[in-house]
Amino acid sequence: MMGIKGAVLSIIRATREKKIIPVEKPVSEQKMLEGKVALISGGSGGIGISIAKELHSCGCKVILGGTNAAKLEKCKEQFSDGGVESVIFNLSNTDSIVPTIKEAEGKFGTIDIFVNSA
């Protein structure tokens, strides 16, 4: 049985002998989606806005998709620190889906996550 002190000394010796440099990269749970972009259809509804808030709190940029422009703008106001955009997104009109996704991509340059809560 080595104990903590012995284990630490072993690690230090190993890093010196093999020129291994330990690199710490702590990942904050609050920012684990930093730099990601999420598109949420139904983003102005209760479940959609809740998902948006959680993703945003984890560092994600969010694009709210919905059919009511006024409601989308009201939802965007809940995010005072920015990082949230919106698009008119009507999934029942299949011809508009691809152009809407391209419009959404233009907001932040990409879409990494899609949530269908419509």
PDB file of N, CA and C in Angstrom:
ATOM      1  N   MET A   1       0.843  -1.169   0.000  1.00  0.00           N
ATOM      2  CA  MET A   1       0.000   0.000   0.000  1.00  0.00           C
ATOM      3  C   MET A   1       0.893   1.237   0.000  1.00  0.00           C
ATOM      4  N   MET A   2       0.653   2.116  -0.928  1.00  0.00           N
ATOM      5  CA  MET A   2       1.559   3.215  -1.157  1.00  0.00           C
ATOM      6  C   MET A   2       1.152   4.495  -0.435  1.00  0.00           C
ATOM      7  N   GLY A   3      -0.062   4.821  -0.374  1.00  0.00           N
ATOM      8  CA  GLY A   3      -0.503   6.070   0.232  1.00  0.00           C
ATOM      9  C   GLY A   3      -0.460   7.211  -0.767  1.00  0.00           C
ATOM     10  N   ILE A   4      -1.089   8.284  -0.399  1.00  0.00           N
ATOM     11  CA  ILE A   4      -1.197   9.428  -1.307  1.00  0.00           C
ATOM     12  C   ILE A   4       0.163  10.070  -1.549  1.00  0.00           C
ATOM     13  N   LYS A   5       0.937  10.271  -0.494  1.00  0.00           N
ATOM     14  CA  LYS A   5       2.243  10.905  -0.643  1.00  0.00           C
ATOM     15  C   LYS A   5       3.149  10.100  -1.573  1.00  0.00           C
ATOM     16  N   GLY A   6       3.157   8.786  -1.397  1.00  0.00           N
ATOM     17  CA  GLY A   6       3.956   7.921  -2.261  1.00  0.00           C
ATOM     18  C   GLY A   6       3.499   7.970  -3.706  1.00  0.00           C
ATOM     19  N   ALA A   7       2.180   8.015  -3.916  1.00  0.00           N
ATOM     20  CA  ALA A   7       1.641   8.084  -5.277  1.00  0.00           C
ATOM     21  C   ALA A   7       2.036   9.388  -5.955  1.00  0.00           C
ATOM     22  N   VAL A   8       1.942  10.487  -5.225  1.00  0.00           N
ATOM     23  CA  VAL A   8       2.316  11.789  -5.790  1.00  0.00           C
ATOM     24  C   VAL A   8       3.803  11.805  -6.138  1.00  0.00           C
ATOM     25  N   LEU A   9       4.633  11.291  -5.237  1.00  0.00           N
ATOM     26  CA  LEU A   9       6.075  11.243  -5.510  1.00  0.00           C
ATOM     27  C   LEU A   9       6.374  10.376  -6.736  1.00  0.00           C
ATOM     28  N   SER A  10       5.659   9.273  -6.892  1.00  0.00           N
ATOM     29  CA  SER A  10       5.842   8.407  -8.069  1.00  0.00           C
ATOM     30  C   SER A  10       5.489   9.150  -9.347  1.00  0.00           C
ATOM     31  N   ILE A  11       4.415   9.899  -9.317  1.00  0.00           N
ATOM     32  CA  ILE A  11       4.003  10.666 -10.496  1.00  0.00           C
ATOM     33  C   ILE A  11       5.048  11.728 -10.822  1.00  0.00           C
ATOM     34  N   ILE A  12       5.535  12.409  -9.787  1.00  0.00           N
ATOM     35  CA  ILE A  12       6.553  13.441 -10.012  1.00  0.00           C
ATOM     36  C   ILE A  12       7.806  12.823 -10.619  1.00  0.00           C
ATOM     37  N   ARG A  13       8.248  11.701 -10.074  1.00  0.00           N
ATOM     38  CA  ARG A  13       9.428  11.024 -10.619  1.00  0.00           C
ATOM     39  C   ARG A  13       9.208  10.616 -12.072  1.00  0.00           C
ATOM     40  N   ALA A  14       8.022  10.080 -12.375  1.00  0.00           N
ATOM     41  CA  ALA A  14       7.726   9.627 -13.737  1.00  0.00           C
ATOM     42  C   ALA A  14       7.718  10.793 -14.716  1.00  0.00           C
ATOM     43  N   THR A  15       7.188  11.924 -14.297  1.00  0.00           N
ATOM     44  CA  THR A  15       7.153  13.075 -15.206  1.00  0.00           C
ATOM     45  C   THR A  15       8.546  13.631 -15.450  1.00  0.00           C
ATOM     46  N   ARG A  16       9.413  13.544 -14.466  1.00  0.00           N
ATOM     47  CA  ARG A  16      10.792  14.020 -14.641  1.00  0.00           C
ATOM     48  C   ARG A  16      11.591  13.068 -15.525  1.00  0.00           C
ATOM     49  N   GLU A  17      11.420  11.783 -15.337  1.00  0.00           N
ATOM     50  CA  GLU A  17      12.201  10.798 -16.086  1.00  0.00           C
ATOM     51  C   GLU A  17      11.817  10.764 -17.557  1.00  0.00           C
ATOM     52  N   LYS A  18      10.554  10.839 -17.855  1.00  0.00           N
ATOM     53  CA  LYS A  18      10.103  10.682 -19.233  1.00  0.00           C
ATOM     54  C   LYS A  18       9.765  12.009 -19.899  1.00  0.00           C
ATOM     55  N   LYS A  19      10.019  13.089 -19.206  1.00  0.00           N
ATOM     56  CA  LYS A  19       9.712  14.424 -19.725  1.00  0.00           C
ATOM     57  C   LYS A  19       8.226  14.566 -20.066  1.00  0.00           C
ATOM     58  N   ILE A  20       7.389  13.949 -19.245  1.00  0.00           N
ATOM     59  CA  ILE A  20       5.942  14.067 -19.405  1.00  0.00           C
ATOM     60  C   ILE A  20       5.489  15.291 -18.629  1.00  0.00           C
ATOM     61  N   ILE A  21       4.776  16.149 -19.290  1.00  0.00           N
ATOM     62  CA  ILE A  21       4.269  17.341 -18.626  1.00  0.00           C
ATOM     63  C   ILE A  21       2.759  17.203 -18.513  1.00  0.00           C
ATOM     64  N   PRO A  22       2.250  17.057 -17.293  1.00  0.00           N
ATOM     65  CA  PRO A  22       0.790  16.941 -17.142  1.00  0.00           C
ATOM     66  C   PRO A  22       0.119  18.266 -17.490  1.00  0.00           C
ATOM     67  N   VAL A  23      -0.950  18.178 -18.239  1.00  0.00           N
ATOM     68  CA  VAL A  23      -1.695  19.365 -18.631  1.00  0.00           C
ATOM     69  C   VAL A  23      -3.094  19.253 -18.044  1.00  0.00           C
ATOM     70  N   GLU A  24      -3.431  20.237 -17.258  1.00  0.00           N
ATOM     71  CA  GLU A  24      -4.775  20.251 -16.686  1.00  0.00           C
ATOM     72  C   GLU A  24      -5.662  21.109 -17.561  1.00  0.00           C
ATOM     73  N   LYS A  25      -6.813  20.599 -17.858  1.00  0.00           N
ATOM     74  CA  LYS A  25      -7.796  21.376 -18.598  1.00  0.00           C
ATOM     75  C   LYS A  25      -9.141  21.174 -17.916  1.00  0.00           C
ATOM     76  N   PRO A  26      -9.370  21.927 -16.864  1.00  0.00           N
ATOM     77  CA  PRO A  26     -10.641  21.754 -16.172  1.00  0.00           C
ATOM     78  C   PRO A  26     -11.804  22.197 -17.055  1.00  0.00           C
ATOM     79  N   VAL A  27     -12.860  21.436 -17.017  1.00  0.00           N
ATOM     80  CA  VAL A  27     -14.056  21.751 -17.791  1.00  0.00           C
ATOM     81  C   VAL A  27     -15.144  22.126 -16.812  1.00  0.00           C
ATOM     82  N   SER A  28     -15.550  23.364 -16.903  1.00  0.00           N
ATOM     83  CA  SER A  28     -16.631  23.826 -16.047  1.00  0.00           C
ATOM     84  C   SER A  28     -17.944  23.270 -16.578  1.00  0.00           C
ATOM     85  N   GLU A  29     -18.713  22.665 -15.715  1.00  0.00           N
ATOM     86  CA  GLU A  29     -20.011  22.144 -16.134  1.00  0.00           C
ATOM     87  C   GLU A  29     -20.906  23.259 -16.654  1.00  0.00           C
ATOM     88  N   GLN A  30     -20.683  24.468 -16.146  1.00  0.00           N
ATOM     89  CA  GLN A  30     -21.497  25.598 -16.567  1.00  0.00           C
ATOM     90  C   GLN A  30     -21.151  26.067 -17.989  1.00  0.00           C
ATOM     91  N   LYS A  31     -19.976  25.721 -18.486  1.00  0.00           N
ATOM     92  CA  LYS A  31     -19.561  26.185 -19.804  1.00  0.00           C
ATOM     93  C   LYS A  31     -19.127  25.049 -20.721  1.00  0.00           C
ATOM     94  N   MET A  32     -19.685  23.856 -20.522  1.00  0.00           N
ATOM     95  CA  MET A  32     -19.237  22.725 -21.324  1.00  0.00           C
ATOM     96  C   MET A  32     -19.704  22.794 -22.778  1.00  0.00           C
ATOM     97  N   LEU A  33     -20.609  23.691 -23.108  1.00  0.00           N
ATOM     98  CA  LEU A  33     -21.051  23.847 -24.498  1.00  0.00           C
ATOM     99  C   LEU A  33     -20.564  25.164 -25.094  1.00  0.00           C
ATOM    100  N   GLU A  34     -19.539  25.736 -24.481  1.00  0.00           N
ATOM    101  CA  GLU A  34     -18.971  26.999 -24.949  1.00  0.00           C
ATOM    102  C   GLU A  34     -18.622  26.899 -26.430  1.00  0.00           C
ATOM    103  N   GLY A  35     -19.091  27.869 -27.213  1.00  0.00           N
ATOM    104  CA  GLY A  35     -18.777  27.906 -28.634  1.00  0.00           C
ATOM    105  C   GLY A  35     -19.710  27.094 -29.517  1.00  0.00           C
ATOM    106  N   LYS A  36     -20.609  26.322 -28.942  1.00  0.00           N
ATOM    107  CA  LYS A  36     -21.567  25.542 -29.732  1.00  0.00           C
ATOM    108  C   LYS A  36     -22.789  26.409 -30.033  1.00  0.00           C
ATOM    109  N   VAL A  37     -23.498  26.061 -31.099  1.00  0.00           N
ATOM    110  CA  VAL A  37     -24.701  26.785 -31.505  1.00  0.00           C
ATOM    111  C   VAL A  37     -25.854  25.797 -31.600  1.00  0.00           C
ATOM    112  N   ALA A  38     -26.972  26.138 -30.953  1.00  0.00           N
ATOM    113  CA  ALA A  38     -28.151  25.269 -30.965  1.00  0.00           C
ATOM    114  C   ALA A  38     -29.319  25.962 -31.648  1.00  0.00           C
ATOM    115  N   LEU A  39     -30.006  25.240 -32.516  1.00  0.00           N
ATOM    116  CA  LEU A  39     -31.252  25.693 -33.124  1.00  0.00           C
ATOM    117  C   LEU A  39     -32.379  24.912 -32.467  1.00  0.00           C
ATOM    118  N   ILE A  40     -33.365  25.638 -31.940  1.00  0.00           N
ATOM    119  CA  ILE A  40     -34.476  24.995 -31.241  1.00  0.00           C
ATOM    120  C   ILE A  40     -35.775  25.345 -31.951  1.00  0.00           C
ATOM    121  N   SER A  41     -36.389  24.341 -32.589  1.00  0.00           N
ATOM    122  CA  SER A  41     -37.715  24.578 -33.167  1.00  0.00           C
ATOM    123  C   SER A  41     -38.712  24.518 -32.012  1.00  0.00           C
ATOM    124  N   GLY A  42     -39.705  25.370 -32.053  1.00  0.00           N
ATOM    125  CA  GLY A  42     -40.614  25.479 -30.912  1.00  0.00           C
ATOM    126  C   GLY A  42     -39.942  26.209 -29.763  1.00  0.00           C
ATOM    127  N   GLY A  43     -38.964  27.031 -30.089  1.00  0.00           N
ATOM    128  CA  GLY A  43     -38.157  27.721 -29.084  1.00  0.00           C
ATOM    129  C   GLY A  43     -38.883  28.789 -28.306  1.00  0.00           C
ATOM    130  N   SER A  44     -40.070  29.180 -28.746  1.00  0.00           N
ATOM    131  CA  SER A  44     -40.802  30.201 -27.998  1.00  0.00           C
ATOM    132  C   SER A  44     -41.870  29.587 -27.096  1.00  0.00           C
ATOM    133  N   GLY A  45     -41.978  28.259 -27.104  1.00  0.00           N
ATOM    134  CA  GLY A  45     -42.924  27.582 -26.215  1.00  0.00           C
ATOM    135  C   GLY A  45     -42.286  27.291 -24.868  1.00  0.00           C
ATOM    136  N   GLY A  46     -43.049  26.793 -23.953  1.00  0.00           N
ATOM    137  CA  GLY A  46     -42.574  26.540 -22.593  1.00  0.00           C
ATOM    138  C   GLY A  46     -41.393  25.594 -22.514  1.00  0.00           C
ATOM    139  N   ILE A  47     -41.502  24.436 -23.163  1.00  0.00           N
ATOM    140  CA  ILE A  47     -40.399  23.469 -23.133  1.00  0.00           C
ATOM    141  C   ILE A  47     -39.214  24.001 -23.927  1.00  0.00           C
ATOM    142  N   GLY A  48     -39.463  24.577 -25.087  1.00  0.00           N
ATOM    143  CA  GLY A  48     -38.391  25.103 -25.928  1.00  0.00           C
ATOM    144  C   GLY A  48     -37.594  26.192 -25.248  1.00  0.00           C
ATOM    145  N   ILE A  49     -38.265  27.134 -24.580  1.00  0.00           N
ATOM    146  CA  ILE A  49     -37.552  28.222 -23.912  1.00  0.00           C
ATOM    147  C   ILE A  49     -36.784  27.695 -22.706  1.00  0.00           C
ATOM    148  N   SER A  50     -37.317  26.684 -22.041  1.00  0.00           N
ATOM    149  CA  SER A  50     -36.591  26.076 -20.915  1.00  0.00           C
ATOM    150  C   SER A  50     -35.312  25.395 -21.401  1.00  0.00           C
ATOM    151  N   ILE A  51     -35.398  24.685 -22.512  1.00  0.00           N
ATOM    152  CA  ILE A  51     -34.215  24.046 -23.101  1.00  0.00           C
ATOM    153  C   ILE A  51     -33.211  25.124 -23.510  1.00  0.00           C
ATOM    154  N   ALA A  52     -33.703  26.200 -24.117  1.00  0.00           N
ATOM    155  CA  ALA A  52     -32.837  27.294 -24.544  1.00  0.00           C
ATOM    156  C   ALA A  52     -32.087  27.903 -23.364  1.00  0.00           C
ATOM    157  N   LYS A  53     -32.783  28.108 -22.258  1.00  0.00           N
ATOM    158  CA  LYS A  53     -32.145  28.684 -21.066  1.00  0.00           C
ATOM    159  C   LYS A  53     -31.047  27.773 -20.540  1.00  0.00           C
ATOM    160  N   GLU A  54     -31.312  26.478 -20.524  1.00  0.00           N
ATOM    161  CA  GLU A  54     -30.312  25.538 -20.014  1.00  0.00           C
ATOM    162  C   GLU A  54     -29.093  25.479 -20.930  1.00  0.00           C
ATOM    163  N   LEU A  55     -29.316  25.407 -22.231  1.00  0.00           N
ATOM    164  CA  LEU A  55     -28.204  25.393 -23.180  1.00  0.00           C
ATOM    165  C   LEU A  55     -27.395  26.684 -23.086  1.00  0.00           C
ATOM    166  N   HIS A  56     -28.096  27.803 -22.987  1.00  0.00           N
ATOM    167  CA  HIS A  56     -27.432  29.105 -22.890  1.00  0.00           C
ATOM    168  C   HIS A  56     -26.603  29.202 -21.613  1.00  0.00           C
ATOM    169  N   SER A  57     -27.110  28.658 -20.517  1.00  0.00           N
ATOM    170  CA  SER A  57     -26.363  28.707 -19.256  1.00  0.00           C
ATOM    171  C   SER A  57     -25.098  27.843 -19.305  1.00  0.00           C
ATOM    172  N   CYS A  58     -25.057  26.896 -20.241  1.00  0.00           N
ATOM    173  CA  CYS A  58     -23.871  26.043 -20.415  1.00  0.00           C
ATOM    174  C   CYS A  58     -22.916  26.621 -21.463  1.00  0.00           C
ATOM    175  N   GLY A  59     -23.143  27.867 -21.881  1.00  0.00           N
ATOM    176  CA  GLY A  59     -22.234  28.531 -22.807  1.00  0.00           C
ATOM    177  C   GLY A  59     -22.614  28.445 -24.264  1.00  0.00           C
ATOM    178  N   CYS A  60     -23.740  27.852 -24.572  1.00  0.00           N
ATOM    179  CA  CYS A  60     -24.175  27.659 -25.946  1.00  0.00           C
ATOM    180  C   CYS A  60     -24.851  28.921 -26.486  1.00  0.00           C
ATOM    181  N   LYS A  61     -24.593  29.236 -27.760  1.00  0.00           N
ATOM    182  CA  LYS A  61     -25.362  30.270 -28.435  1.00  0.00           C
ATOM    183  C   LYS A  61     -26.639  29.599 -28.921  1.00  0.00           C
ATOM    184  N   VAL A  62     -27.749  30.329 -28.875  1.00  0.00           N
ATOM    185  CA  VAL A  62     -29.043  29.715 -29.146  1.00  0.00           C
ATOM    186  C   VAL A  62     -29.788  30.485 -30.230  1.00  0.00           C
ATOM    187  N   ILE A  63     -30.424  29.716 -31.125  1.00  0.00           N
ATOM    188  CA  ILE A  63     -31.314  30.286 -32.131  1.00  0.00           C
ATOM    189  C   ILE A  63     -32.701  29.720 -31.850  1.00  0.00           C
ATOM    190  N   LEU A  64     -33.614  30.600 -31.486  1.00  0.00           N
ATOM    191  CA  LEU A  64     -34.990  30.191 -31.213  1.00  0.00           C
ATOM    192  C   LEU A  64     -35.762  30.163 -32.522  1.00  0.00           C
ATOM    193  N   GLY A  65     -36.433  29.077 -32.792  1.00  0.00           N
ATOM    194  CA  GLY A  65     -37.266  28.960 -33.981  1.00  0.00           C
ATOM    195  C   GLY A  65     -38.720  28.851 -33.585  1.00  0.00           C
ATOM    196  N   GLY A  66     -39.568  29.589 -34.263  1.00  0.00           N
ATOM    197  CA  GLY A  66     -40.998  29.536 -33.975  1.00  0.00           C
ATOM    198  C   GLY A  66     -41.787  30.214 -35.072  1.00  0.00           C
ATOM    199  N   THR A  67     -43.096  30.164 -34.971  1.00  0.00           N
ATOM    200  CA  THR A  67     -43.955  30.711 -36.022  1.00  0.00           C
ATOM    201  C   THR A  67     -44.455  32.117 -35.717  1.00  0.00           C
ATOM    202  N   ASN A  68     -44.295  32.579 -34.481  1.00  0.00           N
ATOM    203  CA  ASN A  68     -44.818  33.881 -34.075  1.00  0.00           C
ATOM    204  C   ASN A  68     -43.658  34.828 -33.770  1.00  0.00           C
ATOM    205  N   ALA A  69     -43.443  35.812 -34.663  1.00  0.00           N
ATOM    206  CA  ALA A  69     -42.306  36.729 -34.523  1.00  0.00           C
ATOM    207  C   ALA A  69     -42.360  37.527 -33.224  1.00  0.00           C
ATOM    208  N   ALA A  70     -43.542  37.985 -32.840  1.00  0.00           N
ATOM    209  CA  ALA A  70     -43.666  38.779 -31.606  1.00  0.00           C
ATOM    210  C   ALA A  70     -43.315  37.940 -30.376  1.00  0.00           C
ATOM    211  N   LYS A  71     -43.763  36.706 -30.371  1.00  0.00           N
ATOM    212  CA  LYS A  71     -43.459  35.809 -29.251  1.00  0.00           C
ATOM    213  C   LYS A  71     -41.968  35.485 -29.190  1.00  0.00           C
ATOM    214  N   LEU A  72     -41.349  35.302 -30.344  1.00  0.00           N
ATOM    215  CA  LEU A  72     -39.911  35.042 -30.393  1.00  0.00           C
ATOM    216  C   LEU A  72     -39.128  36.223 -29.824  1.00  0.00           C
ATOM    217  N   GLU A  73     -39.523  37.444 -30.195  1.00  0.00           N
ATOM    218  CA  GLU A  73     -38.837  38.631 -29.687  1.00  0.00           C
ATOM    219  C   GLU A  73     -38.994  38.754 -28.176  1.00  0.00           C
ATOM    220  N   LYS A  74     -40.170  38.440 -27.671  1.00  0.00           N
ATOM    221  CA  LYS A  74     -40.400  38.485 -26.225  1.00  0.00           C
ATOM    222  C   LYS A  74     -39.521  37.465 -25.508  1.00  0.00           C
ATOM    223  N   CYS A  75     -39.353  36.293 -26.109  1.00  0.00           N
ATOM    224  CA  CYS A  75     -38.500  35.257 -25.524  1.00  0.00           C
ATOM    225  C   CYS A  75     -37.037  35.690 -25.547  1.00  0.00           C
ATOM    226  N   LYS A  76     -36.606  36.326 -26.624  1.00  0.00           N
ATOM    227  CA  LYS A  76     -35.217  36.793 -26.718  1.00  0.00           C
ATOM    228  C   LYS A  76     -34.889  37.799 -25.621  1.00  0.00           C
ATOM    229  N   GLU A  77     -35.869  38.575 -25.200  1.00  0.00           N
ATOM    230  CA  GLU A  77     -35.667  39.583 -24.157  1.00  0.00           C
ATOM    231  C   GLU A  77     -35.278  38.953 -22.818  1.00  0.00           C
ATOM    232  N   GLN A  78     -35.574  37.677 -22.636  1.00  0.00           N
ATOM    233  CA  GLN A  78     -35.228  36.985 -21.391  1.00  0.00           C
ATOM    234  C   GLN A  78     -33.730  36.723 -21.275  1.00  0.00           C
ATOM    235  N   PHE A  79     -33.008  36.905 -22.373  1.00  0.00           N
ATOM    236  CA  PHE A  79     -31.565  36.667 -22.410  1.00  0.00           C
ATOM    237  C   PHE A  79     -30.861  38.019 -22.570  1.00  0.00           C
ATOM    238  N   SER A  80     -30.663  38.699 -21.472  1.00  0.00           N
ATOM    239  CA  SER A  80     -30.130  40.057 -21.522  1.00  0.00           C
ATOM    240  C   SER A  80     -28.656  40.118 -21.908  1.00  0.00           C
ATOM    241  N   ASP A  81     -27.934  39.012 -21.756  1.00  0.00           N
ATOM    242  CA  ASP A  81     -26.501  39.038 -22.046  1.00  0.00           C
ATOM    243  C   ASP A  81     -26.164  38.643 -23.483  1.00  0.00           C
ATOM    244  N   GLY A  82     -27.154  38.514 -24.356  1.00  0.00           N
ATOM    245  CA  GLY A  82     -26.904  38.212 -25.761  1.00  0.00           C
ATOM    246  C   GLY A  82     -26.678  36.733 -26.025  1.00  0.00           C
ATOM    247  N   GLY A  83     -26.209  36.437 -27.236  1.00  0.00           N
ATOM    248  CA  GLY A  83     -25.965  35.052 -27.617  1.00  0.00           C
ATOM    249  C   GLY A  83     -27.222  34.314 -28.024  1.00  0.00           C
ATOM    250  N   VAL A  84     -28.315  35.057 -28.247  1.00  0.00           N
ATOM    251  CA  VAL A  84     -29.574  34.428 -28.638  1.00  0.00           C
ATOM    252  C   VAL A  84     -30.154  35.185 -29.834  1.00  0.00           C
ATOM    253  N   GLU A  85     -30.511  34.444 -30.861  1.00  0.00           N
ATOM    254  CA  GLU A  85     -31.145  34.990 -32.060  1.00  0.00           C
ATOM    255  C   GLU A  85     -32.443  34.229 -32.295  1.00  0.00           C
ATOM    256  N   SER A  86     -33.186  34.628 -33.318  1.00  0.00           N
ATOM    257  CA  SER A  86     -34.419  33.909 -33.632  1.00  0.00           C
ATOM    258  C   SER A  86     -34.651  33.880 -35.140  1.00  0.00           C
ATOM    259  N   VAL A  87     -35.433  32.894 -35.564  1.00  0.00           N
ATOM    260  CA  VAL A  87     -35.858  32.771 -36.960  1.00  0.00           C
ATOM    261  C   VAL A  87     -37.300  32.274 -36.977  1.00  0.00           C
ATOM    262  N   ILE A  88     -38.021  32.687 -37.997  1.00  0.00           N
ATOM    263  CA  ILE A  88     -39.359  32.144 -38.207  1.00  0.00           C
ATOM    264  C   ILE A  88     -39.164  30.748 -38.778  1.00  0.00           C
ATOM    265  N   PHE A  89     -39.676  29.749 -38.060  1.00  0.00           N
ATOM    266  CA  PHE A  89     -39.430  28.356 -38.412  1.00  0.00           C
ATOM    267  C   PHE A  89     -40.737  27.597 -38.309  1.00  0.00           C
ATOM    268  N   ASN A  90     -41.312  27.253 -39.458  1.00  0.00           N
ATOM    269  CA  ASN A  90     -42.575  26.543 -39.504  1.00  0.00           C
ATOM    270  C   ASN A  90     -42.335  25.151 -40.078  1.00  0.00           C
ATOM    271  N   LEU A  91     -42.294  24.158 -39.222  1.00  0.00           N
ATOM    272  CA  LEU A  91     -42.003  22.792 -39.670  1.00  0.00           C
ATOM    273  C   LEU A  91     -43.112  22.196 -40.525  1.00  0.00           C
ATOM    274  N   SER A  92     -44.319  22.744 -40.446  1.00  0.00           N
ATOM    275  CA  SER A  92     -45.405  22.194 -41.263  1.00  0.00           C
ATOM    276  C   SER A  92     -45.261  22.596 -42.730  1.00  0.00           C
ATOM    277  N   ASN A  93     -44.452  23.610 -43.021  1.00  0.00           N
ATOM    278  CA  ASN A  93     -44.176  24.021 -44.400  1.00  0.00           C
ATOM    279  C   ASN A  93     -42.821  23.435 -44.794  1.00  0.00           C
ATOM    280  N   THR A  94     -42.831  22.240 -45.342  1.00  0.00           N
ATOM    281  CA  THR A  94     -41.590  21.524 -45.631  1.00  0.00           C
ATOM    282  C   THR A  94     -40.701  22.248 -46.637  1.00  0.00           C
ATOM    283  N   ASP A  95     -41.294  23.039 -47.532  1.00  0.00           N
ATOM    284  CA  ASP A  95     -40.498  23.778 -48.510  1.00  0.00           C
ATOM    285  C   ASP A  95     -39.642  24.863 -47.864  1.00  0.00           C
ATOM    286  N   SER A  96     -40.017  25.304 -46.671  1.00  0.00           N
ATOM    287  CA  SER A  96     -39.279  26.399 -46.021  1.00  0.00           C
ATOM    288  C   SER A  96     -38.196  25.907 -45.067  1.00  0.00           C
ATOM    289  N   ILE A  97     -38.121  24.608 -44.833  1.00  0.00           N
ATOM    290  CA  ILE A  97     -37.181  24.097 -43.828  1.00  0.00           C
ATOM    291  C   ILE A  97     -35.730  24.358 -44.210  1.00  0.00           C
ATOM    292  N   VAL A  98     -35.324  23.985 -45.418  1.00  0.00           N
ATOM    293  CA  VAL A  98     -33.922  24.161 -45.828  1.00  0.00           C
ATOM    294  C   VAL A  98     -33.537  25.643 -45.858  1.00  0.00           C
ATOM    295  N   PRO A  99     -34.343  26.528 -46.466  1.00  0.00           N
ATOM    296  CA  PRO A  99     -33.972  27.950 -46.434  1.00  0.00           C
ATOM    297  C   PRO A  99     -33.923  28.517 -45.008  1.00  0.00           C
ATOM    298  N   THR A 100     -34.791  28.060 -44.142  1.00  0.00           N
ATOM    299  CA  THR A 100     -34.783  28.539 -42.758  1.00  0.00           C
ATOM    300  C   THR A 100     -33.525  28.080 -42.033  1.00  0.00           C
ATOM    301  N   ILE A 101     -33.109  26.843 -42.249  1.00  0.00           N
ATOM    302  CA  ILE A 101     -31.883  26.341 -41.624  1.00  0.00           C
ATOM    303  C   ILE A 101     -30.675  27.129 -42.137  1.00  0.00           C
ATOM    304  N   LYS A 102     -30.648  27.441 -43.419  1.00  0.00           N
ATOM    305  CA  LYS A 102     -29.550  28.251 -43.966  1.00  0.00           C
ATOM    306  C   LYS A 102     -29.553  29.648 -43.337  1.00  0.00           C
ATOM    307  N   GLU A 103     -30.735  30.219 -43.149  1.00  0.00           N
ATOM    308  CA  GLU A 103     -30.841  31.525 -42.487  1.00  0.00           C
ATOM    309  C   GLU A 103     -30.328  31.435 -41.051  1.00  0.00           C
ATOM    310  N   ALA A 104     -30.709  30.362 -40.360  1.00  0.00           N
ATOM    311  CA  ALA A 104     -30.274  30.164 -38.975  1.00  0.00           C
ATOM    312  C   ALA A 104     -28.757  30.006 -38.901  1.00  0.00           C
ATOM    313  N   GLU A 105     -28.179  29.264 -39.842  1.00  0.00           N
ATOM    314  CA  GLU A 105     -26.724  29.093 -39.875  1.00  0.00           C
ATOM    315  C   GLU A 105     -26.013  30.429 -40.031  1.00  0.00           C
ATOM    316  N   GLY A 106     -26.634  31.341 -40.773  1.00  0.00           N
ATOM    317  CA  GLY A 106     -26.052  32.658 -40.981  1.00  0.00           C
ATOM    318  C   GLY A 106     -25.988  33.505 -39.721  1.00  0.00           C
ATOM    319  N   LYS A 107     -26.779  33.174 -38.718  1.00  0.00           N
ATOM    320  CA  LYS A 107     -26.798  33.953 -37.474  1.00  0.00           C
ATOM    321  C   LYS A 107     -25.482  33.845 -36.710  1.00  0.00           C
ATOM    322  N   PHE A 108     -24.943  32.618 -36.584  1.00  0.00           N
ATOM    323  CA  PHE A 108     -23.703  32.396 -35.844  1.00  0.00           C
ATOM    324  C   PHE A 108     -22.670  31.606 -36.647  1.00  0.00           C
ATOM    325  N   GLY A 109     -22.965  31.332 -37.923  1.00  0.00           N
ATOM    326  CA  GLY A 109     -22.001  30.655 -38.777  1.00  0.00           C
ATOM    327  C   GLY A 109     -22.142  29.151 -38.881  1.00  0.00           C
ATOM    328  N   THR A 110     -22.862  28.531 -37.970  1.00  0.00           N
ATOM    329  CA  THR A 110     -23.015  27.077 -37.983  1.00  0.00           C
ATOM    330  C   THR A 110     -24.164  26.679 -37.069  1.00  0.00           C
ATOM    331  N   ILE A 111     -24.536  25.410 -37.131  1.00  0.00           N
ATOM    332  CA  ILE A 111     -25.476  24.822 -36.157  1.00  0.00           C
ATOM    333  C   ILE A 111     -24.853  23.505 -35.726  1.00  0.00           C
ATOM    334  N   ASP A 112     -24.628  23.380 -34.427  1.00  0.00           N
ATOM    335  CA  ASP A 112     -24.034  22.157 -33.879  1.00  0.00           C
ATOM    336  C   ASP A 112     -25.081  21.246 -33.266  1.00  0.00           C
ATOM    337  N   ILE A 113     -26.172  21.844 -32.781  1.00  0.00           N
ATOM    338  CA  ILE A 113     -27.204  21.088 -32.046  1.00  0.00           C
ATOM    339  C   ILE A 113     -28.565  21.491 -32.595  1.00  0.00           C
ATOM    340  N   PHE A 114     -29.414  20.500 -32.862  1.00  0.00           N
ATOM    341  CA  PHE A 114     -30.800  20.794 -33.248  1.00  0.00           C
ATOM    342  C   PHE A 114     -31.737  20.132 -32.252  1.00  0.00           C
ATOM    343  N   VAL A 115     -32.646  20.926 -31.703  1.00  0.00           N
ATOM    344  CA  VAL A 115     -33.647  20.406 -30.763  1.00  0.00           C
ATOM    345  C   VAL A 115     -35.012  20.642 -31.383  1.00  0.00           C
ATOM    346  N   ASN A 116     -35.774  19.572 -31.570  1.00  0.00           N
ATOM    347  CA  ASN A 116     -37.122  19.692 -32.098  1.00  0.00           C
ATOM    348  C   ASN A 116     -38.111  19.633 -30.943  1.00  0.00           C
ATOM    349  N   SER A 117     -38.562  20.796 -30.513  1.00  0.00           N
ATOM    350  CA  SER A 117     -39.569  20.816 -29.447  1.00  0.00           C
ATOM    351  C   SER A 117     -40.872  21.406 -29.949  1.00  0.00           C
ATOM    352  N   ALA A 118     -41.024  21.441 -31.277  1.00  0.00           N
ATOM    353  CA  ALA A 118     -42.255  21.959 -31.875  1.00  0.00           C
ATOM    354  C   ALA A 118     -43.353  20.915 -31.795  1.00  0.00           C
TER     355      ALA A 118
END
